[in-house]
């Protein structure tokens, strides 16, 4: 178990967000929900203060800390995806209900948390043995919103879109 646990700050949405995140990936679960023992800046006595959860084997803490602070791209969570179906499923779920899609596989979910939804195959195209193919794949990726494995492969191989 890691000694470091990322803490995500929420304004009353910690339990809702943690339940949403654990619904997306295997080896994920809510570990503990701690209630406020007294009224305070984070809420009234008896409301949720902290949710400890595991997301794909990594421990996290969601904290209802009071007023909302905006997340930045300086901290994001990358999810490596085995195939396009996983990219599509996670992209749709995380960008739904007020999420904001961005370029190159990045998005912000409805809580403002930044995610990178990245196919595992990206490395073979951006780091493959063909320098011209790597450049074409990088140029293709820079034009994408959600990453498309077939499009990256076509670019790497120098084939036009079908």
C-alpha atoms as a PDB file:
ATOM      1  CA  UNK A   1       0.000   0.000   0.000  1.00  0.00           C
ATOM      2  CA  UNK A   2       1.342   3.419  -0.922  1.00  0.00           C
ATOM      3  CA  UNK A   3       2.094   5.961   1.807  1.00  0.00           C
ATOM      4  CA  UNK A   4       0.790   8.706  -0.477  1.00  0.00           C
ATOM      5  CA  UNK A   5      -2.948   9.159  -0.957  1.00  0.00           C
ATOM      6  CA  UNK A   6      -4.193  11.866  -3.332  1.00  0.00           C
ATOM      7  CA  UNK A   7      -6.905  14.016  -1.760  1.00  0.00           C
ATOM      8  CA  UNK A   8      -9.647  15.506  -3.915  1.00  0.00           C
ATOM      9  CA  UNK A   9     -11.463  18.564  -2.518  1.00  0.00           C
ATOM     10  CA  UNK A  10     -15.217  18.916  -2.943  1.00  0.00           C
ATOM     11  CA  UNK A  11     -17.986  21.169  -1.711  1.00  0.00           C
ATOM     12  CA  UNK A  12     -20.546  18.655  -0.468  1.00  0.00           C
ATOM     13  CA  UNK A  13     -20.061  16.245  -3.403  1.00  0.00           C
ATOM     14  CA  UNK A  14     -17.317  13.954  -2.026  1.00  0.00           C
ATOM     15  CA  UNK A  15     -19.464  10.848  -1.565  1.00  0.00           C
ATOM     16  CA  UNK A  16     -21.323  11.348  -4.858  1.00  0.00           C
ATOM     17  CA  UNK A  17     -18.038  11.785  -6.752  1.00  0.00           C
ATOM     18  CA  UNK A  18     -16.359   8.802  -5.087  1.00  0.00           C
ATOM     19  CA  UNK A  19     -19.342   6.551  -5.885  1.00  0.00           C
ATOM     20  CA  UNK A  20     -19.257   7.756  -9.501  1.00  0.00           C
ATOM     21  CA  UNK A  21     -15.511   7.136  -9.874  1.00  0.00           C
ATOM     22  CA  UNK A  22     -15.600   3.632  -8.357  1.00  0.00           C
ATOM     23  CA  UNK A  23     -18.439   2.687 -10.728  1.00  0.00           C
ATOM     24  CA  UNK A  24     -16.116   3.214 -13.709  1.00  0.00           C
ATOM     25  CA  UNK A  25     -13.151   0.924 -13.118  1.00  0.00           C
ATOM     26  CA  UNK A  26     -12.486  -2.585 -11.799  1.00  0.00           C
ATOM     27  CA  UNK A  27     -10.675  -2.997  -8.454  1.00  0.00           C
ATOM     28  CA  UNK A  28     -12.513   0.067  -7.130  1.00  0.00           C
ATOM     29  CA  UNK A  29     -14.572   0.471  -3.981  1.00  0.00           C
ATOM     30  CA  UNK A  30     -15.616   2.817  -1.189  1.00  0.00           C
ATOM     31  CA  UNK A  31     -13.482   1.988   1.849  1.00  0.00           C
ATOM     32  CA  UNK A  32     -14.892   4.304   4.501  1.00  0.00           C
ATOM     33  CA  UNK A  33     -17.235   7.270   4.883  1.00  0.00           C
ATOM     34  CA  UNK A  34     -16.493   9.573   7.806  1.00  0.00           C
ATOM     35  CA  UNK A  35     -19.137  12.030   9.001  1.00  0.00           C
ATOM     36  CA  UNK A  36     -18.572  15.484  10.477  1.00  0.00           C
ATOM     37  CA  UNK A  37     -18.550  15.090  14.265  1.00  0.00           C
ATOM     38  CA  UNK A  38     -19.555  18.747  14.799  1.00  0.00           C
ATOM     39  CA  UNK A  39     -20.773  21.675  12.710  1.00  0.00           C
ATOM     40  CA  UNK A  40     -17.846  23.264  10.865  1.00  0.00           C
ATOM     41  CA  UNK A  41     -16.699  24.903   7.637  1.00  0.00           C
ATOM     42  CA  UNK A  42     -17.106  21.600   5.786  1.00  0.00           C
ATOM     43  CA  UNK A  43     -20.720  21.088   6.835  1.00  0.00           C
ATOM     44  CA  UNK A  44     -23.163  20.309   9.597  1.00  0.00           C
ATOM     45  CA  UNK A  45     -22.637  17.538  12.137  1.00  0.00           C
ATOM     46  CA  UNK A  46     -23.588  14.193  10.583  1.00  0.00           C
ATOM     47  CA  UNK A  47     -22.899  15.191   6.974  1.00  0.00           C
ATOM     48  CA  UNK A  48     -20.120  13.494   5.001  1.00  0.00           C
ATOM     49  CA  UNK A  49     -16.650  14.894   5.666  1.00  0.00           C
ATOM     50  CA  UNK A  50     -14.261  12.313   4.159  1.00  0.00           C
ATOM     51  CA  UNK A  51     -14.661   9.375   1.799  1.00  0.00           C
ATOM     52  CA  UNK A  52     -11.740   6.969   1.534  1.00  0.00           C
ATOM     53  CA  UNK A  53     -11.935   5.005  -1.692  1.00  0.00           C
ATOM     54  CA  UNK A  54      -9.867   2.808  -3.967  1.00  0.00           C
ATOM     55  CA  UNK A  55      -9.879   3.514  -7.689  1.00  0.00           C
ATOM     56  CA  UNK A  56      -8.271   0.837  -9.882  1.00  0.00           C
ATOM     57  CA  UNK A  57      -6.157  -0.282  -6.927  1.00  0.00           C
ATOM     58  CA  UNK A  58      -5.003   3.255  -5.955  1.00  0.00           C
ATOM     59  CA  UNK A  59      -6.208   4.768  -2.671  1.00  0.00           C
ATOM     60  CA  UNK A  60      -7.798   8.241  -2.728  1.00  0.00           C
ATOM     61  CA  UNK A  61      -9.497  10.502  -0.265  1.00  0.00           C
ATOM     62  CA  UNK A  62     -12.430  12.752  -1.169  1.00  0.00           C
ATOM     63  CA  UNK A  63     -12.863  15.643   1.258  1.00  0.00           C
ATOM     64  CA  UNK A  64     -15.847  17.923   1.619  1.00  0.00           C
ATOM     65  CA  UNK A  65     -13.652  20.848   2.567  1.00  0.00           C
ATOM     66  CA  UNK A  66     -16.135  23.675   2.203  1.00  0.00           C
ATOM     67  CA  UNK A  67     -16.163  26.142  -0.649  1.00  0.00           C
ATOM     68  CA  UNK A  68     -15.105  24.784  -4.007  1.00  0.00           C
ATOM     69  CA  UNK A  69     -11.612  25.289  -5.390  1.00  0.00           C
ATOM     70  CA  UNK A  70     -10.996  24.853  -9.088  1.00  0.00           C
ATOM     71  CA  UNK A  71      -8.717  22.049 -10.247  1.00  0.00           C
ATOM     72  CA  UNK A  72      -6.051  22.812 -12.854  1.00  0.00           C
ATOM     73  CA  UNK A  73      -4.280  20.783 -15.538  1.00  0.00           C
ATOM     74  CA  UNK A  74      -1.224  20.805 -13.297  1.00  0.00           C
ATOM     75  CA  UNK A  75      -2.763  17.740 -11.637  1.00  0.00           C
ATOM     76  CA  UNK A  76      -4.682  15.215 -13.710  1.00  0.00           C
ATOM     77  CA  UNK A  77      -5.419  11.514 -13.694  1.00  0.00           C
ATOM     78  CA  UNK A  78      -4.414   9.376 -16.669  1.00  0.00           C
ATOM     79  CA  UNK A  79      -6.380   6.221 -17.374  1.00  0.00           C
ATOM     80  CA  UNK A  80      -4.653   3.771 -19.693  1.00  0.00           C
ATOM     81  CA  UNK A  81      -7.217   2.025 -21.888  1.00  0.00           C
ATOM     82  CA  UNK A  82      -6.788  -1.412 -23.451  1.00  0.00           C
ATOM     83  CA  UNK A  83      -8.894  -0.659 -26.535  1.00  0.00           C
ATOM     84  CA  UNK A  84     -11.146   1.883 -28.235  1.00  0.00           C
ATOM     85  CA  UNK A  85     -14.241   0.536 -26.504  1.00  0.00           C
ATOM     86  CA  UNK A  86     -12.711   1.374 -23.118  1.00  0.00           C
ATOM     87  CA  UNK A  87     -11.637   4.821 -24.352  1.00  0.00           C
ATOM     88  CA  UNK A  88     -15.179   5.469 -25.601  1.00  0.00           C
ATOM     89  CA  UNK A  89     -16.890   4.190 -22.420  1.00  0.00           C
ATOM     90  CA  UNK A  90     -14.738   6.225 -20.033  1.00  0.00           C
ATOM     91  CA  UNK A  91     -14.828   9.301 -22.271  1.00  0.00           C
ATOM     92  CA  UNK A  92     -18.609   9.272 -22.376  1.00  0.00           C
ATOM     93  CA  UNK A  93     -19.016   8.652 -18.637  1.00  0.00           C
ATOM     94  CA  UNK A  94     -16.491  11.238 -17.451  1.00  0.00           C
ATOM     95  CA  UNK A  95     -17.552  13.959 -19.897  1.00  0.00           C
ATOM     96  CA  UNK A  96     -21.295  13.550 -19.241  1.00  0.00           C
ATOM     97  CA  UNK A  97     -23.487  15.835 -17.130  1.00  0.00           C
ATOM     98  CA  UNK A  98     -21.496  19.026 -17.397  1.00  0.00           C
ATOM     99  CA  UNK A  99     -18.032  17.688 -18.153  1.00  0.00           C
ATOM    100  CA  UNK A 100     -15.848  19.580 -20.621  1.00  0.00           C
ATOM    101  CA  UNK A 101     -13.960  17.842 -23.408  1.00  0.00           C
ATOM    102  CA  UNK A 102     -10.582  19.146 -24.478  1.00  0.00           C
ATOM    103  CA  UNK A 103      -7.889  18.275 -26.988  1.00  0.00           C
ATOM    104  CA  UNK A 104      -5.559  15.277 -27.066  1.00  0.00           C
ATOM    105  CA  UNK A 105      -7.642  12.984 -24.872  1.00  0.00           C
ATOM    106  CA  UNK A 106      -8.085  15.415 -21.979  1.00  0.00           C
ATOM    107  CA  UNK A 107     -11.356  16.279 -20.292  1.00  0.00           C
ATOM    108  CA  UNK A 108     -12.722  17.722 -17.086  1.00  0.00           C
ATOM    109  CA  UNK A 109     -15.500  15.786 -15.414  1.00  0.00           C
ATOM    110  CA  UNK A 110     -18.620  17.342 -13.892  1.00  0.00           C
ATOM    111  CA  UNK A 111     -16.681  18.001 -10.667  1.00  0.00           C
ATOM    112  CA  UNK A 112     -13.881  19.830 -12.488  1.00  0.00           C
ATOM    113  CA  UNK A 113     -11.291  17.050 -12.095  1.00  0.00           C
ATOM    114  CA  UNK A 114      -8.932  16.706 -15.093  1.00  0.00           C
ATOM    115  CA  UNK A 115      -8.542  13.298 -16.741  1.00  0.00           C
ATOM    116  CA  UNK A 116      -6.466  11.959 -19.609  1.00  0.00           C
ATOM    117  CA  UNK A 117      -8.179   9.057 -21.380  1.00  0.00           C
ATOM    118  CA  UNK A 118      -5.293   7.412 -23.218  1.00  0.00           C
ATOM    119  CA  UNK A 119      -5.221   4.204 -25.247  1.00  0.00           C
ATOM    120  CA  UNK A 120      -2.303   1.961 -24.325  1.00  0.00           C
ATOM    121  CA  UNK A 121      -1.500   1.814 -28.063  1.00  0.00           C
ATOM    122  CA  UNK A 122      -0.560   5.518 -28.118  1.00  0.00           C
ATOM    123  CA  UNK A 123       2.993   4.681 -27.051  1.00  0.00           C
ATOM    124  CA  UNK A 124       3.577   2.393 -30.011  1.00  0.00           C
ATOM    125  CA  UNK A 125       2.645   5.172 -32.431  1.00  0.00           C
ATOM    126  CA  UNK A 126       4.362   8.095 -30.722  1.00  0.00           C
ATOM    127  CA  UNK A 127       7.383   5.978 -29.831  1.00  0.00           C
ATOM    128  CA  UNK A 128       7.532   3.578 -32.764  1.00  0.00           C
ATOM    129  CA  UNK A 129      10.677   2.917 -34.808  1.00  0.00           C
ATOM    130  CA  UNK A 130       9.611   5.046 -37.817  1.00  0.00           C
ATOM    131  CA  UNK A 131      10.497   8.739 -37.202  1.00  0.00           C
ATOM    132  CA  UNK A 132       8.146   9.986 -39.935  1.00  0.00           C
ATOM    133  CA  UNK A 133       5.369   7.760 -38.584  1.00  0.00           C
ATOM    134  CA  UNK A 134       5.894   9.163 -35.082  1.00  0.00           C
ATOM    135  CA  UNK A 135       5.583  12.694 -36.462  1.00  0.00           C
ATOM    136  CA  UNK A 136       2.417  11.865 -38.383  1.00  0.00           C
ATOM    137  CA  UNK A 137       0.892  10.181 -35.324  1.00  0.00           C
ATOM    138  CA  UNK A 138       1.741  13.194 -33.153  1.00  0.00           C
ATOM    139  CA  UNK A 139       0.186  15.583 -35.680  1.00  0.00           C
ATOM    140  CA  UNK A 140      -2.926  13.398 -35.835  1.00  0.00           C
ATOM    141  CA  UNK A 141      -3.187  13.274 -32.038  1.00  0.00           C
ATOM    142  CA  UNK A 142      -2.895  17.058 -31.792  1.00  0.00           C
ATOM    143  CA  UNK A 143      -5.991  17.365 -34.017  1.00  0.00           C
ATOM    144  CA  UNK A 144      -8.068  14.891 -31.972  1.00  0.00           C
ATOM    145  CA  UNK A 145     -10.406  15.597 -29.106  1.00  0.00           C
ATOM    146  CA  UNK A 146     -11.061  12.003 -27.945  1.00  0.00           C
ATOM    147  CA  UNK A 147      -8.137   9.803 -28.988  1.00  0.00           C
ATOM    148  CA  UNK A 148      -8.887   7.392 -31.830  1.00  0.00           C
ATOM    149  CA  UNK A 149      -6.642   4.333 -32.052  1.00  0.00           C
ATOM    150  CA  UNK A 150      -7.485   3.562 -35.696  1.00  0.00           C
ATOM    151  CA  UNK A 151      -6.798   7.180 -36.685  1.00  0.00           C
ATOM    152  CA  UNK A 152      -3.445   7.123 -34.894  1.00  0.00           C
ATOM    153  CA  UNK A 153      -2.529   3.870 -36.615  1.00  0.00           C
ATOM    154  CA  UNK A 154      -3.494   5.218 -40.047  1.00  0.00           C
ATOM    155  CA  UNK A 155      -1.424   8.339 -39.428  1.00  0.00           C
ATOM    156  CA  UNK A 156       1.579   6.332 -38.248  1.00  0.00           C
ATOM    157  CA  UNK A 157       1.361   4.085 -41.312  1.00  0.00           C
ATOM    158  CA  UNK A 158       0.927   7.067 -43.658  1.00  0.00           C
ATOM    159  CA  UNK A 159      -2.546   6.011 -44.768  1.00  0.00           C
ATOM    160  CA  UNK A 160      -5.318   8.496 -45.376  1.00  0.00           C
ATOM    161  CA  UNK A 161      -8.547   8.361 -43.405  1.00  0.00           C
ATOM    162  CA  UNK A 162     -10.988   5.735 -44.640  1.00  0.00           C
END
